Structures are given as structure tokens and as C-alpha cells.
């Protein structure tokens, strides 16, 4: 019996010897990152309309909920409360939400041409950690183009109309009114 016990001990030590030892630090790695939540292509968005501002972020499937804040993180709103059509990360690795000035609190904010406002996002992962990200939205409405008065071949009515200069003919519907004076060149 002693011989079999000794043989077992020699076999175990031989096995450890054949496996080798290492001084390297053991590391744990995941096949997917747990804390990925990045807005693509940029964290700075320029929009010409406040009615619908679509935002997309690449994110880990470990993200369970995302909250957003319009006041610097004082109050947080759940994504599903703000936009019922949002897409959460666990479905396809993307987070999608559409901001709008028809919904509170953006509807109560005064945003003028050229203004930038900040939206903070807090993404919660299954591990209990949260990731903070920010998006800066700049409002730049399209430039207004002044519409010139066109003199066409159709009927124009009114009194006191005086046309001077070169006129380019355009198809035009009836223009009505009075006391018009047009000086200079009318062009397309």
C-alpha cells in the first residue's frame, strides 16, 4: 500500500512538473467589452431642426438601461420614458434615441440660432457599473433665401406698378395687390 501511495505522489508531482509554472500575473479577459458606450461618428452634433435629432451609440450588449439628462445630471430620465421607440444596446449592439423639442424638457428650453445644448447619458451595465457620456447639440437652422418678385407672362393686377430695368420672363401665377414699385434687374 505504501508503494501505491508513493507512486501516486510521484505521479502528481510529475504532472505539476510537466505542466510547468509561471510567474506571470493571471488576467481575466472578456470576449466583449463590458463598458463600451460611444456615440458615433462624433459627440458633437449639428442639426438644422429641433423636431427630430436622431442619436446613435455603439454599445456593449451588457448595457441594460440608459438614462439621459438635459440639466447637467441633476435630473435623469429613462430612455423608454423619453422615447418609446428607442433601441437598447442588448438587442444589436447599438443604442438609438431621437431627441425632440416637442417633448419635455427640451420643449421648455429656449434654443436660438447657433446655440449649443448638452445632453448627458448614463448607461448601466449588468455588472452594476455605469458609464457617463455627453453629446453637444448645436442648432443651426437653414439660411433663409429671399424670394424676389418675378415678372412673368401671366396676368398681373394692381395699381401703381412701375417696372424698370431688365426683366427675365418666368412662368408666374396671378400677382395681386397695389402700390408696387420695382427698380433694378429681376433675374432668376
C-alpha atoms as a PDB file:
ATOM      1  CA  UNK A   1       0.000   0.000   0.000  1.00  0.00           C
ATOM      2  CA  UNK A   2       2.875   2.318   0.676  1.00  0.00           C
ATOM      3  CA  UNK A   3       4.246   1.723  -2.788  1.00  0.00           C
ATOM      4  CA  UNK A   4       0.957   2.756  -4.443  1.00  0.00           C
ATOM      5  CA  UNK A   5       0.761   5.857  -2.227  1.00  0.00           C
ATOM      6  CA  UNK A   6       4.312   6.851  -3.135  1.00  0.00           C
ATOM      7  CA  UNK A   7       3.604   6.223  -6.807  1.00  0.00           C
ATOM      8  CA  UNK A   8       0.518   8.466  -6.593  1.00  0.00           C
ATOM      9  CA  UNK A   9       2.515  11.271  -5.015  1.00  0.00           C
ATOM     10  CA  UNK A  10       5.276  10.933  -7.637  1.00  0.00           C
ATOM     11  CA  UNK A  11       2.662  10.951 -10.392  1.00  0.00           C
ATOM     12  CA  UNK A  12       1.055  14.158  -9.024  1.00  0.00           C
ATOM     13  CA  UNK A  13       4.412  15.956  -8.724  1.00  0.00           C
ATOM     14  CA  UNK A  14       5.381  14.703 -12.178  1.00  0.00           C
ATOM     15  CA  UNK A  15       2.151  16.098 -13.547  1.00  0.00           C
ATOM     16  CA  UNK A  16       2.847  19.515 -11.977  1.00  0.00           C
ATOM     17  CA  UNK A  17       6.395  19.383 -13.323  1.00  0.00           C
ATOM     18  CA  UNK A  18       5.171  18.616 -16.851  1.00  0.00           C
ATOM     19  CA  UNK A  19       2.547  21.416 -16.709  1.00  0.00           C
ATOM     20  CA  UNK A  20       5.181  23.974 -15.790  1.00  0.00           C
ATOM     21  CA  UNK A  21       4.931  27.017 -13.581  1.00  0.00           C
ATOM     22  CA  UNK A  22       4.816  30.646 -14.486  1.00  0.00           C
ATOM     23  CA  UNK A  23       5.500  33.888 -12.660  1.00  0.00           C
ATOM     24  CA  UNK A  24       3.081  35.772 -14.941  1.00  0.00           C
ATOM     25  CA  UNK A  25       0.125  37.563 -13.396  1.00  0.00           C
ATOM     26  CA  UNK A  26      -3.142  35.843 -14.114  1.00  0.00           C
ATOM     27  CA  UNK A  27      -5.528  38.010 -16.127  1.00  0.00           C
ATOM     28  CA  UNK A  28      -9.194  37.710 -16.866  1.00  0.00           C
ATOM     29  CA  UNK A  29     -10.436  38.843 -20.251  1.00  0.00           C
ATOM     30  CA  UNK A  30     -13.885  39.098 -21.758  1.00  0.00           C
ATOM     31  CA  UNK A  31     -14.719  38.324 -25.340  1.00  0.00           C
ATOM     32  CA  UNK A  32     -16.759  41.566 -25.448  1.00  0.00           C
ATOM     33  CA  UNK A  33     -16.080  44.793 -23.574  1.00  0.00           C
ATOM     34  CA  UNK A  34     -18.496  45.416 -20.718  1.00  0.00           C
ATOM     35  CA  UNK A  35     -18.146  49.193 -20.690  1.00  0.00           C
ATOM     36  CA  UNK A  36     -18.442  50.121 -24.362  1.00  0.00           C
ATOM     37  CA  UNK A  37     -20.814  53.073 -24.886  1.00  0.00           C
ATOM     38  CA  UNK A  38     -19.583  55.537 -27.530  1.00  0.00           C
ATOM     39  CA  UNK A  39     -21.541  57.902 -29.754  1.00  0.00           C
ATOM     40  CA  UNK A  40     -20.555  57.571 -33.393  1.00  0.00           C
ATOM     41  CA  UNK A  41     -19.346  59.291 -35.501  1.00  0.00           C
ATOM     42  CA  UNK A  42     -18.985  62.172 -33.045  1.00  0.00           C
ATOM     43  CA  UNK A  43     -20.080  63.539 -29.684  1.00  0.00           C
ATOM     44  CA  UNK A  44     -20.805  66.877 -31.365  1.00  0.00           C
ATOM     45  CA  UNK A  45     -23.988  67.026 -33.431  1.00  0.00           C
ATOM     46  CA  UNK A  46     -25.070  69.889 -35.688  1.00  0.00           C
ATOM     47  CA  UNK A  47     -28.764  69.947 -36.541  1.00  0.00           C
ATOM     48  CA  UNK A  48     -30.958  72.196 -38.655  1.00  0.00           C
ATOM     49  CA  UNK A  49     -34.190  71.128 -36.966  1.00  0.00           C
ATOM     50  CA  UNK A  50     -35.162  70.520 -33.362  1.00  0.00           C
ATOM     51  CA  UNK A  51     -38.208  68.414 -34.271  1.00  0.00           C
ATOM     52  CA  UNK A  52     -36.135  65.229 -34.570  1.00  0.00           C
ATOM     53  CA  UNK A  53     -32.480  64.792 -33.586  1.00  0.00           C
ATOM     54  CA  UNK A  54     -31.501  61.124 -34.047  1.00  0.00           C
ATOM     55  CA  UNK A  55     -28.532  59.911 -31.972  1.00  0.00           C
ATOM     56  CA  UNK A  56     -26.699  56.567 -32.223  1.00  0.00           C
ATOM     57  CA  UNK A  57     -24.136  54.962 -29.971  1.00  0.00           C
ATOM     58  CA  UNK A  58     -22.218  51.716 -30.262  1.00  0.00           C
ATOM     59  CA  UNK A  59     -22.511  49.840 -27.023  1.00  0.00           C
ATOM     60  CA  UNK A  60     -21.875  46.609 -25.240  1.00  0.00           C
ATOM     61  CA  UNK A  61     -24.665  44.087 -25.010  1.00  0.00           C
ATOM     62  CA  UNK A  62     -24.100  44.161 -21.255  1.00  0.00           C
ATOM     63  CA  UNK A  63     -25.728  47.642 -21.085  1.00  0.00           C
ATOM     64  CA  UNK A  64     -29.215  47.197 -19.647  1.00  0.00           C
ATOM     65  CA  UNK A  65     -30.603  50.738 -19.311  1.00  0.00           C
ATOM     66  CA  UNK A  66     -29.634  54.226 -20.430  1.00  0.00           C
ATOM     67  CA  UNK A  67     -30.797  57.437 -18.744  1.00  0.00           C
ATOM     68  CA  UNK A  68     -30.456  60.961 -20.149  1.00  0.00           C
ATOM     69  CA  UNK A  69     -30.271  64.407 -18.577  1.00  0.00           C
ATOM     70  CA  UNK A  70     -30.768  67.859 -20.091  1.00  0.00           C
ATOM     71  CA  UNK A  71     -29.760  69.785 -16.949  1.00  0.00           C
ATOM     72  CA  UNK A  72     -26.197  68.631 -16.339  1.00  0.00           C
ATOM     73  CA  UNK A  73     -27.091  65.460 -14.424  1.00  0.00           C
ATOM     74  CA  UNK A  74     -29.422  66.929 -11.793  1.00  0.00           C
ATOM     75  CA  UNK A  75     -32.469  65.025 -13.054  1.00  0.00           C
ATOM     76  CA  UNK A  76     -32.354  61.811 -15.077  1.00  0.00           C
ATOM     77  CA  UNK A  77     -34.996  60.487 -17.480  1.00  0.00           C
ATOM     78  CA  UNK A  78     -35.153  56.831 -18.551  1.00  0.00           C
ATOM     79  CA  UNK A  79     -34.818  56.302 -22.308  1.00  0.00           C
ATOM     80  CA  UNK A  80     -38.097  54.396 -22.524  1.00  0.00           C
ATOM     81  CA  UNK A  81     -39.906  57.253 -20.738  1.00  0.00           C
ATOM     82  CA  UNK A  82     -38.462  59.881 -23.078  1.00  0.00           C
ATOM     83  CA  UNK A  83     -38.737  57.995 -26.385  1.00  0.00           C
ATOM     84  CA  UNK A  84     -40.845  54.845 -26.614  1.00  0.00           C
ATOM     85  CA  UNK A  85     -39.160  53.947 -29.947  1.00  0.00           C
ATOM     86  CA  UNK A  86     -35.611  53.903 -28.563  1.00  0.00           C
ATOM     87  CA  UNK A  87     -33.359  50.894 -29.239  1.00  0.00           C
ATOM     88  CA  UNK A  88     -31.366  49.450 -26.326  1.00  0.00           C
ATOM     89  CA  UNK A  89     -27.877  48.009 -26.657  1.00  0.00           C
ATOM     90  CA  UNK A  90     -28.687  44.401 -25.779  1.00  0.00           C
ATOM     91  CA  UNK A  91     -30.628  43.875 -29.000  1.00  0.00           C
ATOM     92  CA  UNK A  92     -27.995  44.615 -31.648  1.00  0.00           C
ATOM     93  CA  UNK A  93     -25.078  46.421 -30.030  1.00  0.00           C
ATOM     94  CA  UNK A  94     -26.470  49.875 -30.799  1.00  0.00           C
ATOM     95  CA  UNK A  95     -28.317  52.462 -28.766  1.00  0.00           C
ATOM     96  CA  UNK A  96     -30.657  54.717 -30.742  1.00  0.00           C
ATOM     97  CA  UNK A  97     -32.820  57.573 -29.480  1.00  0.00           C
ATOM     98  CA  UNK A  98     -34.437  60.603 -31.074  1.00  0.00           C
ATOM     99  CA  UNK A  99     -34.451  63.925 -29.211  1.00  0.00           C
ATOM    100  CA  UNK A 100     -37.255  66.381 -29.994  1.00  0.00           C
ATOM    101  CA  UNK A 101     -38.375  69.833 -28.922  1.00  0.00           C
ATOM    102  CA  UNK A 102     -41.944  68.505 -28.815  1.00  0.00           C
ATOM    103  CA  UNK A 103     -41.089  66.547 -25.640  1.00  0.00           C
ATOM    104  CA  UNK A 104     -40.265  67.867 -22.187  1.00  0.00           C
ATOM    105  CA  UNK A 105     -37.798  69.120 -21.008  1.00  0.00           C
ATOM    106  CA  UNK A 106     -36.462  70.210 -24.424  1.00  0.00           C
ATOM    107  CA  UNK A 107     -39.833  71.799 -25.231  1.00  0.00           C
ATOM    108  CA  UNK A 108     -39.421  74.280 -22.362  1.00  0.00           C
ATOM    109  CA  UNK A 109     -35.863  75.286 -23.334  1.00  0.00           C
ATOM    110  CA  UNK A 110     -35.215  78.415 -25.403  1.00  0.00           C
ATOM    111  CA  UNK A 111     -32.789  77.497 -28.167  1.00  0.00           C
ATOM    112  CA  UNK A 112     -31.804  80.162 -30.688  1.00  0.00           C
ATOM    113  CA  UNK A 113     -29.824  80.045 -33.927  1.00  0.00           C
ATOM    114  CA  UNK A 114     -26.248  78.972 -33.143  1.00  0.00           C
ATOM    115  CA  UNK A 115     -26.969  77.818 -29.565  1.00  0.00           C
ATOM    116  CA  UNK A 116     -25.452  74.600 -28.219  1.00  0.00           C
ATOM    117  CA  UNK A 117     -27.011  72.464 -25.511  1.00  0.00           C
ATOM    118  CA  UNK A 118     -25.549  69.482 -23.691  1.00  0.00           C
ATOM    119  CA  UNK A 119     -27.223  66.115 -23.118  1.00  0.00           C
ATOM    120  CA  UNK A 120     -25.683  63.698 -20.608  1.00  0.00           C
ATOM    121  CA  UNK A 121     -26.159  59.944 -20.847  1.00  0.00           C
ATOM    122  CA  UNK A 122     -25.728  57.379 -18.055  1.00  0.00           C
ATOM    123  CA  UNK A 123     -25.534  53.768 -19.260  1.00  0.00           C
ATOM    124  CA  UNK A 124     -25.968  50.996 -16.665  1.00  0.00           C
ATOM    125  CA  UNK A 125     -24.315  47.622 -17.210  1.00  0.00           C
ATOM    126  CA  UNK A 126     -25.255  44.219 -15.787  1.00  0.00           C
ATOM    127  CA  UNK A 127     -22.193  44.413 -13.554  1.00  0.00           C
ATOM    128  CA  UNK A 128     -23.733  47.382 -11.699  1.00  0.00           C
ATOM    129  CA  UNK A 129     -21.325  49.933 -13.175  1.00  0.00           C
ATOM    130  CA  UNK A 130     -22.421  52.983 -15.089  1.00  0.00           C
ATOM    131  CA  UNK A 131     -20.744  54.863 -17.927  1.00  0.00           C
ATOM    132  CA  UNK A 132     -21.236  58.612 -18.407  1.00  0.00           C
ATOM    133  CA  UNK A 133     -21.148  60.176 -21.870  1.00  0.00           C
ATOM    134  CA  UNK A 134     -22.071  63.627 -23.189  1.00  0.00           C
ATOM    135  CA  UNK A 135     -23.362  64.873 -26.527  1.00  0.00           C
ATOM    136  CA  UNK A 136     -23.265  68.528 -27.566  1.00  0.00           C
ATOM    137  CA  UNK A 137     -26.080  69.503 -29.929  1.00  0.00           C
ATOM    138  CA  UNK A 138     -25.689  72.730 -31.920  1.00  0.00           C
ATOM    139  CA  UNK A 139     -28.749  74.243 -33.582  1.00  0.00           C
ATOM    140  CA  UNK A 140     -28.065  75.886 -36.950  1.00  0.00           C
ATOM    141  CA  UNK A 141     -31.278  76.345 -38.960  1.00  0.00           C
ATOM    142  CA  UNK A 142     -31.042  76.555 -42.740  1.00  0.00           C
ATOM    143  CA  UNK A 143     -30.441  80.025 -44.136  1.00  0.00           C
ATOM    144  CA  UNK A 144     -33.497  81.752 -45.498  1.00  0.00           C
ATOM    145  CA  UNK A 145     -33.360  82.731 -49.148  1.00  0.00           C
ATOM    146  CA  UNK A 146     -35.152  85.923 -50.042  1.00  0.00           C
ATOM    147  CA  UNK A 147     -37.655  85.402 -52.806  1.00  0.00           C
ATOM    148  CA  UNK A 148     -37.522  88.042 -55.476  1.00  0.00           C
ATOM    149  CA  UNK A 149     -40.521  89.359 -57.360  1.00  0.00           C
ATOM    150  CA  UNK A 150     -40.800  87.701 -60.751  1.00  0.00           C
ATOM    151  CA  UNK A 151     -42.432  89.349 -63.733  1.00  0.00           C
ATOM    152  CA  UNK A 152     -43.965  86.705 -65.917  1.00  0.00           C
ATOM    153  CA  UNK A 153     -46.193  86.396 -68.929  1.00  0.00           C
ATOM    154  CA  UNK A 154     -49.318  85.758 -66.850  1.00  0.00           C
ATOM    155  CA  UNK A 155     -51.774  88.406 -65.696  1.00  0.00           C
ATOM    156  CA  UNK A 156     -50.616  90.842 -63.014  1.00  0.00           C
ATOM    157  CA  UNK A 157     -53.123  93.147 -61.460  1.00  0.00           C
ATOM    158  CA  UNK A 158     -52.768  96.131 -59.219  1.00  0.00           C
ATOM    159  CA  UNK A 159     -52.216  99.825 -59.482  1.00  0.00           C
ATOM    160  CA  UNK A 160     -49.083 101.895 -59.414  1.00  0.00           C
ATOM    161  CA  UNK A 161     -46.759  99.144 -60.655  1.00  0.00           C
ATOM    162  CA  UNK A 162     -43.631 100.506 -62.305  1.00  0.00           C
ATOM    163  CA  UNK A 163     -41.042  98.080 -63.718  1.00  0.00           C
ATOM    164  CA  UNK A 164     -37.649  99.472 -64.711  1.00  0.00           C
ATOM    165  CA  UNK A 165     -34.580  97.590 -65.868  1.00  0.00           C
ATOM    166  CA  UNK A 166     -34.063  94.192 -67.374  1.00  0.00           C
ATOM    167  CA  UNK A 167     -36.732  91.555 -66.688  1.00  0.00           C
ATOM    168  CA  UNK A 168     -36.285  87.816 -67.175  1.00  0.00           C
ATOM    169  CA  UNK A 169     -39.522  86.095 -68.072  1.00  0.00           C
ATOM    170  CA  UNK A 170     -40.758  83.319 -65.760  1.00  0.00           C
ATOM    171  CA  UNK A 171     -43.982  81.421 -65.592  1.00  0.00           C
ATOM    172  CA  UNK A 172     -45.936  83.040 -62.822  1.00  0.00           C
ATOM    173  CA  UNK A 173     -49.382  82.834 -61.327  1.00  0.00           C
ATOM    174  CA  UNK A 174     -51.519  85.897 -60.768  1.00  0.00           C
ATOM    175  CA  UNK A 175     -49.959  88.521 -58.512  1.00  0.00           C
ATOM    176  CA  UNK A 176     -52.443  90.888 -56.894  1.00  0.00           C
ATOM    177  CA  UNK A 177     -52.044  93.980 -54.783  1.00  0.00           C
ATOM    178  CA  UNK A 178     -51.351  97.651 -55.184  1.00  0.00           C
ATOM    179  CA  UNK A 179     -48.716 100.369 -54.947  1.00  0.00           C
ATOM    180  CA  UNK A 180     -45.817  98.160 -56.118  1.00  0.00           C
ATOM    181  CA  UNK A 181     -42.608  99.762 -57.377  1.00  0.00           C
ATOM    182  CA  UNK A 182     -39.831  97.523 -58.663  1.00  0.00           C
ATOM    183  CA  UNK A 183     -36.443  99.009 -59.570  1.00  0.00           C
ATOM    184  CA  UNK A 184     -33.339  97.286 -60.890  1.00  0.00           C
ATOM    185  CA  UNK A 185     -32.847  93.945 -62.511  1.00  0.00           C
ATOM    186  CA  UNK A 186     -35.109  90.981 -61.810  1.00  0.00           C
ATOM    187  CA  UNK A 187     -33.257  87.736 -62.500  1.00  0.00           C
ATOM    188  CA  UNK A 188     -33.616  84.065 -61.799  1.00  0.00           C
END
